[in-house]
């Protein structure tokens, strides 16, 4: 096959050399540049012919030239094709004095006994940006998993997004408690005017990005509709809205802007921002999961502490108080007065323990059991009774009592306290709730005047009796010796 002059190997190699996307530099053993490809202009700012005859050090930062000379000598002593400075961060020096990361592959060439090195130089800024993005995501994730709240980490996210995505202004829009959207974090000159700005959860561009899950590139933010009015004063042109979505759950929108005159956000910029936003949203989701697990752990631990205090400490104190009351009835006056003072002190200790239980961080109105509900009712009747009634528990009260029985029991307890406050003239009231062999047993004892021997027409007693009967249980009220009343309410569970 004939080979035309246009297709000779030399011409073909020359065409490949000129078309290479990597900058190609050929040097001799002294480091003098003999040849460079057209791609050198875009990377270093020099025209290829300007570099011929110059030392390769013209393209190397001054603080890297001494070690580079040693590496070059080592390469010519043992020439083989390899990546230059494997594991090292290599930098190039642009004509304007700016340093930037580069990746270099070296290939030895020998012609007529003379040795040369061909260096293929690639811009390392995109690769470095990807590494920086990983570092940023790693730091965000670590801080969230270490306990930082999401709102505390948002300013850091905007700062890293502005740097990594080469933006001049960044803000994050997130759902607000009002149901609308709000600018929750900003970064960039003048962006403070955006912080706290409310946006529509239906018509704003941020809402649209969250709803569709797709990024939107804006050619001029200052002229775009449905953006915060304060954006106009920031001299922002190119922009992009990137949704923050984790597991199909929209968390907000990351908005990036560049000042007028700068390049628009291209496909690579948008893809980079989307990867950053997606990883950030996942990190936020992980942080929220950690917070929820931690919260549940606190609640579980507080529930355990509360149960221990109810079932051990308070019950022991309760039993001691009852023993002292029994001894008080047969004691002489001076001893009786001392016993009465001791009982009063025990009541105070029990009250303090119960208050401590209610102050445990994990125990809230939204996450309480039957015990908490009954203790709150007892506290509510303290003023009406003139003292705080004692309430004790036996068995797995919180987890064994069905919701229907719980509702009825709460009403019975309130009814019993109300009757005692109105009729008994008592100085102490003790209530016990126990779960025993498939039954819920509630009893209340006071030291008041006692119930009369005649049938009572009181509506309160009838209500308690009806509630027990409706649940297949029993109700009984009787006199207590020497004074007082005993109420017993028992239903199957």
Foldseek 3Di string as FASTA:
>chain_A
DDDDPCRDPVNVVVVCQQPDCFWKFKAFLVQQTQFIYCNCCVVAVDGGVVRHRPGPCVFAPPVCVVVVNVQSNVCVVPPDKDWPPVVDFGWTAHPVGDIFTKTWIWHWDADPRTIMIMIGIDGCRVVVLVVLLVVLLVVLLVVLLVPDAPLRCQQVLQVNCCVSLVFQKKWWWFQDPVRWIATRYIDHPPCVVRHGDTAGCPPAPFNVCLVVQDKDKFQQPLPDPRDDPSVVVVQWGIKMWGFQDDPSHTGTIMIGTHHPPDDHQDPVSRVVSNVSSPSSSNSNVVSVVSVVVVLVVLLVVLVVVVCCCQVPVLVVLVVVLVVLVVVLVPDDDVVNVVSVVVSVVSLVVSVVVVVVSCPRVSDDPVDDFLVVLLQVLQVVCCVLQVHRAAEHEEDDRRPPDDPLRSVLVSLLSNLVSVCCSVPFNFPYKYWYWYDDDQKTKIKMKTQGAFDDPDDDPDPSQVSLQVSLVVQVHGWDKGADPPGIIMTMRMHGD
